[in-house]
Amino acid sequence: MNNPLQAILQTLSAEARTEQPFLSIYLDWTTDSNGKRPARTILQQELDRIDTKLEQRSEQRASFERDRAAIVRYLDEEAPRDARSIAIFACDAERVWVTVPLLIPLETYIAADRFPHVFQLARVLDDHEPVVVARAEGQDAEIFVLGLETMEQVATTSASETVNRVQVGGWSQLRYQNHNAFVIRSHMQDLAANIEQILAEHQAERLVVIGNDAIKGALLDVLPSALQQRMLGFVSFDRTVDAEALYSGLEPLLREAEDIQEVEQIQRWENQLATKGGLACAGIDAVATALSKGQVDTLLIEQSFAADGRECPGCAMLFSDAWVTCPYDGSDLVAVPLREAFTARALGQSGAVQVVALRGMLGEQAGVGALLRYRDDVATAVGE
């Protein structure tokens, strides 16, 4: 099953540049102590500001006014009350209307540009990759898929017969124990097969197992080594904990896994940078060139990255803000926020985006780097 947010990101990143105002709106949809939503006031102020920059009776203004009316109507009538944040992408002239209510917080951010600003959605996807959670006993097991602060039960498994715990003594007790072990092993094989299938269906790379020590051993005996390598950990079983509380309990484990993945990506990038002909680049100019040529496999970008740059409306090459005209076709360059332009370009080329939470993790490279698919001077694929 495809991740809906991933599909939305790919669609938005593929949008062509437009001369019409393309609205990207992120709203912190939480309420204050008076039950009001402060983001509504910020939104109105920002839309008023955008309005003043549009010519009267222009096509751009007409498109903007239709979008503004649709946004207000959606927030008044359709926005989920329990959402903690809402993202809206709208450009009536290009027939684009996308709403993304989320149960995780986002910073309020409003922009009108020639293309959608998707960095915050990319960060959400990077920080909340789907995780398969198996809660298992010898008799029964439940499998959940944990996503954007939700946990959905997707499957259950049961032993083929009741696991008998009666103490009968002597050889009869030994036979009971051997039979119970056989029943439990068969159940664990069924559970492992279901886990493997659900990991594939939900494109999940991570697995957490919840159970007692006996079940841990039984499951690991039959779980393929490739799946064991994707296990984040084994958590002690507590029958009294519901799914919501279970999510909260797993959050530190998931955060730790995300931090480890971030560090591993940075180490891989540093190793490639240090290797002659390595598949990596660093800094604004190098990343802009690599993205323009379709070389980027993974964009590494600090969460605080906020540099301005330029884009050629003719050949679509990206540049730092030191450039004024395109050296390739002589066109006057258009100003762009590089955080958004880099993110959209990487996603539009089916690349990955790794958002680095801590400032300075990318060294002295202005907060941005990339792992490459190939180099201009070295015909080597990523992973070789």
Protein backbone atom coordinates (compact mmCIF):
# COMPACT_ATOMS: atom_id res chain seq x y z
CA MET A 1 0.00 0.00 0.00
CA ASN A 2 1.42 3.37 -0.98
CA ASN A 3 1.91 6.05 1.64
CA PRO A 4 -0.75 8.73 0.93
CA LEU A 5 1.55 11.54 2.06
CA GLN A 6 4.33 10.26 -0.21
CA ALA A 7 1.91 10.30 -3.16
CA ILE A 8 0.83 13.86 -2.34
CA LEU A 9 4.45 15.00 -2.13
CA GLN A 10 5.32 13.43 -5.46
CA THR A 11 2.31 15.01 -7.14
CA LEU A 12 3.01 18.47 -5.74
CA SER A 13 6.72 18.26 -6.54
CA ALA A 14 5.87 17.45 -10.14
CA GLU A 15 3.84 20.65 -10.58
CA ALA A 16 5.26 22.87 -13.31
CA ARG A 17 6.23 26.43 -12.50
CA THR A 18 3.36 28.86 -12.96
CA GLU A 19 2.92 32.62 -13.27
CA GLN A 20 -0.19 32.34 -11.11
CA PRO A 21 -0.02 32.63 -7.28
CA PHE A 22 0.45 29.13 -5.90
CA LEU A 23 -0.54 29.16 -2.22
CA SER A 24 1.24 26.90 0.26
CA ILE A 25 -0.36 27.15 3.69
CA TYR A 26 0.68 25.35 6.86
CA LEU A 27 -1.43 26.06 9.94
CA ASP A 28 -0.85 25.19 13.57
CA TRP A 29 -4.49 24.25 14.15
CA THR A 30 -4.34 24.05 17.94
CA THR A 31 -6.44 26.34 20.11
CA ASP A 32 -5.33 28.82 22.77
CA SER A 33 -6.67 29.15 26.31
CA ASN A 34 -9.73 30.99 24.96
CA GLY A 35 -10.58 28.26 22.47
CA LYS A 36 -9.43 30.40 19.53
CA ARG A 37 -7.08 29.31 16.78
CA PRO A 38 -4.28 31.92 16.50
CA ALA A 39 -3.37 30.59 13.06
CA ARG A 40 -6.63 32.00 11.64
CA THR A 41 -5.51 35.54 12.47
CA ILE A 42 -2.04 34.97 11.01
CA LEU A 43 -3.60 33.48 7.88
CA GLN A 44 -5.86 36.48 7.34
CA GLN A 45 -2.97 38.90 7.79
CA GLU A 46 -0.74 37.01 5.35
CA LEU A 47 -3.48 36.67 2.73
CA ASP A 48 -4.15 40.41 3.04
CA ARG A 49 -0.44 41.04 2.48
CA ILE A 50 -0.40 38.82 -0.63
CA ASP A 51 -3.54 40.55 -1.88
CA THR A 52 -1.87 43.97 -1.84
CA LYS A 53 0.85 42.74 -4.22
CA LEU A 54 -1.55 41.58 -6.94
CA GLU A 55 -2.74 43.87 -9.72
CA GLN A 56 -6.40 44.83 -9.77
CA ARG A 57 -8.54 42.97 -12.34
CA SER A 58 -5.69 40.62 -13.20
CA GLU A 59 -5.86 36.90 -13.84
CA GLN A 60 -3.56 36.37 -10.86
CA ARG A 61 -5.90 38.26 -8.53
CA ALA A 62 -8.95 36.35 -9.78
CA SER A 63 -7.24 33.01 -9.14
CA PHE A 64 -6.08 34.16 -5.70
CA GLU A 65 -9.54 35.37 -4.67
CA ARG A 66 -11.12 32.05 -5.65
CA ASP A 67 -8.45 30.20 -3.66
CA ARG A 68 -8.94 32.46 -0.66
CA ALA A 69 -12.69 31.84 -0.64
CA ALA A 70 -12.13 28.07 -0.91
CA ILE A 71 -9.63 28.12 1.97
CA VAL A 72 -11.97 30.03 4.28
CA ARG A 73 -14.86 27.73 3.36
CA TYR A 74 -12.76 24.62 4.03
CA LEU A 75 -11.53 25.86 7.40
CA ASP A 76 -15.05 26.91 8.44
CA GLU A 77 -16.92 23.84 7.28
CA GLU A 78 -14.65 20.86 6.58
CA ALA A 79 -11.41 21.02 8.56
CA PRO A 80 -11.30 18.22 11.17
CA ARG A 81 -11.72 19.54 14.69
CA ASP A 82 -9.17 17.09 16.10
CA ALA A 83 -6.42 18.02 13.61
CA ARG A 84 -3.35 19.54 15.23
CA SER A 85 -2.17 21.04 11.95
CA ILE A 86 -3.45 21.53 8.41
CA ALA A 87 -1.58 21.96 5.13
CA ILE A 88 -3.35 23.46 2.11
CA PHE A 89 -1.99 23.81 -1.42
CA ALA A 90 -4.11 25.86 -3.79
CA CYS A 91 -3.84 27.36 -7.25
CA ASP A 92 -7.23 27.72 -8.91
CA ALA A 93 -5.73 28.78 -12.23
CA GLU A 94 -3.81 25.48 -12.38
CA ARG A 95 -6.71 23.49 -10.90
CA VAL A 96 -4.77 22.46 -7.83
CA TRP A 97 -6.52 21.96 -4.50
CA VAL A 98 -4.94 19.71 -1.86
CA THR A 99 -5.72 19.59 1.87
CA VAL A 100 -3.72 17.57 4.39
CA PRO A 101 -5.03 17.54 7.98
CA LEU A 102 -2.51 16.01 10.38
CA LEU A 103 -2.43 14.87 13.98
CA ILE A 104 1.11 16.18 14.47
CA PRO A 105 2.12 19.82 14.96
CA LEU A 106 3.44 22.03 12.17
CA GLU A 107 4.65 25.61 12.27
CA THR A 108 2.30 28.16 10.73
CA TYR A 109 3.75 29.21 7.38
CA ILE A 110 2.07 30.91 4.42
CA ALA A 111 3.65 31.52 1.00
CA ALA A 112 2.56 32.54 -2.47
CA ASP A 113 5.08 31.45 -5.09
CA ARG A 114 5.37 29.95 -8.58
CA PHE A 115 5.48 26.42 -7.13
CA PRO A 116 4.29 24.59 -3.99
CA HIS A 117 6.46 24.74 -0.86
CA VAL A 118 6.68 21.16 0.44
CA PHE A 119 9.61 21.19 2.88
CA GLN A 120 7.43 20.84 5.99
CA LEU A 121 5.56 17.87 4.50
CA ALA A 122 8.87 16.27 3.53
CA ARG A 123 10.06 16.70 7.12
CA VAL A 124 6.89 15.06 8.42
CA LEU A 125 7.40 12.10 6.09
CA ASP A 126 11.06 11.81 7.07
CA ASP A 127 10.27 11.87 10.80
CA HIS A 128 7.23 9.57 10.71
CA GLU A 129 8.04 6.63 8.49
CA PRO A 130 5.54 3.77 8.92
CA VAL A 131 6.43 1.14 11.51
CA VAL A 132 4.92 -2.34 11.87
CA VAL A 133 4.22 -3.28 15.51
CA ALA A 134 3.48 -6.91 16.42
CA ARG A 135 2.03 -7.56 19.89
CA ALA A 136 2.33 -11.32 20.42
CA GLU A 137 1.48 -14.13 22.81
CA GLY A 138 1.65 -17.84 22.19
CA GLN A 139 -2.10 -18.04 21.65
CA ASP A 140 -2.89 -14.78 19.82
CA ALA A 141 -1.14 -11.85 18.18
CA GLU A 142 -2.11 -8.45 16.80
CA ILE A 143 -0.29 -6.52 14.09
CA PHE A 144 -0.50 -2.73 13.88
CA VAL A 145 0.83 -0.17 11.41
CA LEU A 146 1.99 2.94 13.17
CA GLY A 147 1.95 6.10 11.05
CA LEU A 148 1.50 9.82 11.62
CA GLU A 149 0.55 9.56 15.30
CA THR A 150 -2.00 6.88 14.53
CA MET A 151 -1.88 3.16 15.12
CA GLU A 152 -4.15 1.03 12.95
CA GLN A 153 -4.69 -2.65 13.65
CA VAL A 154 -4.34 -4.43 10.31
CA ALA A 155 -4.21 -8.14 11.20
CA THR A 156 -4.60 -10.76 13.91
CA THR A 157 -3.22 -14.28 14.12
CA SER A 158 -4.11 -17.19 16.40
CA ALA A 159 -2.67 -20.58 17.23
CA SER A 160 -4.36 -23.50 15.51
CA GLU A 161 -5.54 -24.81 18.88
CA THR A 162 -5.61 -23.77 22.50
CA VAL A 163 -2.22 -23.66 24.17
CA ASN A 164 -2.64 -25.94 27.21
CA ARG A 165 -0.87 -24.79 30.38
CA VAL A 166 -2.22 -27.51 32.71
CA GLN A 167 0.34 -29.30 34.86
CA VAL A 168 -0.24 -33.07 34.57
CA GLY A 169 3.14 -34.48 35.67
CA GLY A 170 5.46 -37.21 34.37
CA TRP A 171 5.75 -38.16 30.73
CA SER A 172 2.30 -36.74 30.03
CA GLN A 173 3.53 -33.31 31.10
CA LEU A 174 6.52 -33.63 28.75
CA ARG A 175 4.23 -34.54 25.87
CA TYR A 176 2.02 -31.53 26.69
CA GLN A 177 5.05 -29.27 26.72
CA ASN A 178 6.34 -30.59 23.40
CA HIS A 179 2.92 -30.27 21.82
CA ASN A 180 2.49 -26.74 23.14
CA ALA A 181 5.92 -25.82 21.78
CA PHE A 182 4.87 -27.17 18.37
CA VAL A 183 1.60 -25.18 18.42
CA ILE A 184 3.40 -21.98 19.45
CA ARG A 185 6.12 -22.45 16.81
CA SER A 186 3.49 -22.96 14.11
CA HIS A 187 1.73 -19.80 15.27
CA MET A 188 5.01 -17.84 15.22
CA GLN A 189 5.65 -19.01 11.65
CA ASP A 190 2.22 -17.71 10.66
CA LEU A 191 2.89 -14.44 12.49
CA ALA A 192 6.28 -14.01 10.78
CA ALA A 193 4.69 -14.55 7.36
CA ASN A 194 2.04 -11.92 8.14
CA ILE A 195 4.67 -9.45 9.37
CA GLU A 196 6.69 -9.87 6.17
CA GLN A 197 3.61 -9.32 4.01
CA ILE A 198 2.48 -6.23 5.94
CA LEU A 199 5.95 -4.67 5.88
CA ALA A 200 5.87 -4.98 2.09
CA GLU A 201 2.28 -3.77 1.67
CA HIS A 202 2.84 -0.65 3.77
CA GLN A 203 6.37 0.01 2.50
CA ALA A 204 7.61 -0.04 6.10
CA GLU A 205 11.27 -0.56 6.93
CA ARG A 206 10.92 -0.81 10.71
CA LEU A 207 9.51 -3.45 13.03
CA VAL A 208 8.83 -3.51 16.75
CA VAL A 209 7.78 -6.69 18.59
CA ILE A 210 5.97 -6.64 21.93
CA GLY A 211 5.87 -9.83 23.99
CA ASN A 212 7.40 -11.82 26.81
CA ASP A 213 10.85 -13.43 26.72
CA ALA A 214 9.48 -16.86 25.73
CA ILE A 215 7.70 -15.40 22.70
CA LYS A 216 10.79 -13.40 21.76
CA GLY A 217 12.81 -16.59 21.44
CA ALA A 218 10.07 -18.46 19.58
CA LEU A 219 9.57 -15.63 17.07
CA LEU A 220 13.26 -15.00 16.48
CA ASP A 221 13.72 -18.73 15.74
CA VAL A 222 11.43 -18.42 12.69
CA LEU A 223 11.77 -14.74 11.70
CA PRO A 224 13.99 -14.38 8.60
CA SER A 225 17.31 -12.66 9.30
CA ALA A 226 16.45 -9.85 6.87
CA LEU A 227 13.43 -8.99 9.02
CA GLN A 228 15.40 -9.30 12.25
CA GLN A 229 17.75 -6.63 10.93
CA ARG A 230 14.76 -4.29 10.58
CA MET A 231 13.69 -4.73 14.22
CA LEU A 232 14.06 -1.57 16.29
CA GLY A 233 13.60 -3.48 19.51
CA PHE A 234 11.64 -5.94 21.61
CA VAL A 235 9.28 -4.41 24.21
CA SER A 236 7.85 -6.20 27.25
CA PHE A 237 4.18 -7.11 26.92
CA ASP A 238 1.49 -5.32 28.96
CA ARG A 239 -2.04 -6.51 28.23
CA THR A 240 -3.61 -3.51 29.98
CA VAL A 241 -2.10 -0.92 27.61
CA ASP A 242 -4.33 0.30 24.76
CA ALA A 243 -3.13 1.28 21.30
CA GLU A 244 -2.91 5.02 22.06
CA ALA A 245 -0.82 4.47 25.20
CA LEU A 246 1.26 1.94 23.31
CA TYR A 247 2.13 4.58 20.71
CA SER A 248 3.25 7.00 23.42
CA GLY A 249 5.42 4.31 24.98
CA LEU A 250 7.11 3.55 21.66
CA GLU A 251 7.81 7.18 20.80
CA PRO A 252 11.28 7.34 22.48
CA LEU A 253 12.31 4.14 20.65
CA LEU A 254 11.15 5.58 17.32
CA ARG A 255 12.87 8.90 17.96
CA GLU A 256 16.10 7.08 18.76
CA ALA A 257 15.80 5.08 15.53
CA GLU A 258 15.28 8.28 13.53
CA ASP A 259 18.35 9.85 15.18
CA ILE A 260 20.42 6.77 14.35
CA GLN A 261 19.26 6.84 10.73
CA GLU A 262 20.13 10.54 10.52
CA VAL A 263 23.64 9.94 11.88
CA GLU A 264 24.19 6.97 9.55
CA GLN A 265 23.20 9.06 6.53
CA ILE A 266 25.55 11.84 7.57
CA GLN A 267 28.41 9.37 8.15
CA ARG A 268 27.81 7.82 4.73
CA TRP A 269 27.84 11.31 3.20
CA GLU A 270 31.05 12.26 5.02
CA ASN A 271 32.72 9.03 3.89
CA GLN A 272 31.77 9.69 0.28
CA LEU A 273 33.02 13.28 0.52
CA ALA A 274 36.36 12.03 1.82
CA THR A 275 36.69 9.49 -1.00
CA LYS A 276 38.22 10.51 -4.31
CA GLY A 277 35.43 10.35 -6.85
CA GLY A 278 32.96 9.74 -4.03
CA LEU A 279 29.23 10.00 -4.63
CA ALA A 280 28.59 13.11 -2.56
CA CYS A 281 28.69 16.88 -2.74
CA ALA A 282 28.42 19.70 -0.22
CA GLY A 283 27.43 23.35 -0.14
CA ILE A 284 24.83 25.43 -1.94
CA ASP A 285 26.53 25.74 -5.35
CA ALA A 286 27.44 22.06 -5.62
CA VAL A 287 24.00 20.86 -4.51
CA ALA A 288 22.24 23.33 -6.83
CA THR A 289 24.24 21.99 -9.78
CA ALA A 290 23.69 18.34 -8.83
CA LEU A 291 19.93 18.83 -8.46
CA SER A 292 19.78 20.69 -11.77
CA LYS A 293 21.45 17.73 -13.48
CA GLY A 294 19.33 15.05 -11.77
CA GLN A 295 22.31 13.57 -9.91
CA VAL A 296 20.89 13.61 -6.36
CA ASP A 297 19.88 10.36 -4.70
CA THR A 298 19.39 11.83 -1.19
CA LEU A 299 19.24 15.49 -0.23
CA LEU A 300 20.58 16.22 3.26
CA ILE A 301 19.28 19.53 4.53
CA GLU A 302 19.35 21.08 7.97
CA GLN A 303 15.95 21.98 9.38
CA SER A 304 17.15 25.56 9.91
CA PHE A 305 18.44 25.97 6.31
CA ALA A 306 17.05 29.24 4.94
CA ALA A 307 19.25 30.44 2.08
CA ASP A 308 17.91 32.36 -0.90
CA GLY A 309 18.92 31.46 -4.44
CA ARG A 310 17.91 31.78 -8.06
CA GLU A 311 16.40 29.67 -10.82
CA CYS A 312 16.58 30.03 -14.59
CA PRO A 313 13.08 30.27 -16.11
CA GLY A 314 14.50 28.94 -19.36
CA CYS A 315 16.70 25.92 -18.58
CA ALA A 316 15.54 25.46 -14.93
CA MET A 317 19.10 25.41 -13.55
CA LEU A 318 19.42 26.35 -9.87
CA PHE A 319 22.04 28.78 -8.54
CA SER A 320 23.12 30.56 -5.37
CA ASP A 321 22.02 34.16 -5.01
CA ALA A 322 25.44 35.32 -6.27
CA TRP A 323 24.18 34.77 -9.82
CA VAL A 324 22.00 37.27 -11.71
CA THR A 325 21.85 35.86 -15.24
CA CYS A 326 22.02 32.25 -16.41
CA PRO A 327 25.48 31.37 -17.79
CA TYR A 328 23.90 28.80 -20.12
CA ASP A 329 21.14 30.72 -21.91
CA GLY A 330 21.54 34.31 -20.69
CA SER A 331 18.08 34.49 -19.05
CA ASP A 332 17.47 36.77 -16.09
CA LEU A 333 17.29 34.55 -13.02
CA VAL A 334 14.25 34.42 -10.73
CA ALA A 335 14.62 34.52 -6.94
CA VAL A 336 13.64 31.33 -5.08
CA PRO A 337 13.87 30.10 -1.46
CA LEU A 338 16.42 27.33 -1.83
CA ARG A 339 15.01 25.22 1.01
CA GLU A 340 11.82 24.81 -0.98
CA ALA A 341 13.41 24.68 -4.42
CA PHE A 342 15.93 22.03 -3.36
CA THR A 343 13.28 19.91 -1.64
CA ALA A 344 10.83 20.06 -4.54
CA ARG A 345 13.56 19.28 -7.09
CA ALA A 346 14.84 16.27 -5.13
CA LEU A 347 11.36 14.81 -4.66
CA GLY A 348 10.44 15.53 -8.28
CA GLN A 349 13.40 13.38 -9.33
CA SER A 350 12.28 10.50 -7.04
CA GLY A 351 15.07 11.32 -4.62
CA ALA A 352 14.90 11.11 -0.83
CA VAL A 353 15.04 14.04 1.58
CA GLN A 354 16.82 13.62 4.92
CA VAL A 355 16.03 16.55 7.20
CA VAL A 356 18.79 17.05 9.75
CA ALA A 357 17.36 18.31 13.01
CA LEU A 358 20.47 19.76 14.63
CA ARG A 359 22.24 22.83 13.27
CA GLY A 360 25.90 22.22 12.41
CA MET A 361 25.61 18.47 11.75
CA LEU A 362 26.59 19.08 8.12
CA GLY A 363 29.81 20.78 9.13
CA GLU A 364 30.89 23.92 7.31
CA GLN A 365 28.72 23.24 4.27
CA ALA A 366 26.05 25.94 4.73
CA GLY A 367 23.57 23.38 6.01
CA VAL A 368 23.10 21.33 2.84
CA GLY A 369 24.68 18.37 1.09
CA ALA A 370 23.72 15.41 -1.10
CA LEU A 371 24.44 11.79 -1.84
CA LEU A 372 24.66 11.31 -5.59
CA ARG A 373 23.46 8.73 -8.08
CA TYR A 374 26.44 9.44 -10.33
CA ARG A 375 29.18 11.97 -10.97
CA ASP A 376 29.88 13.79 -14.21
CA ASP A 377 33.41 12.44 -14.20
CA VAL A 378 32.82 8.99 -12.61
CA ALA A 379 30.18 6.62 -14.00
CA THR A 380 29.43 4.80 -10.73
CA ALA A 381 25.97 3.97 -9.38
CA VAL A 382 24.97 4.56 -5.76
CA GLY A 383 25.67 1.47 -3.66
CA GLU A 384 28.52 0.16 -5.78
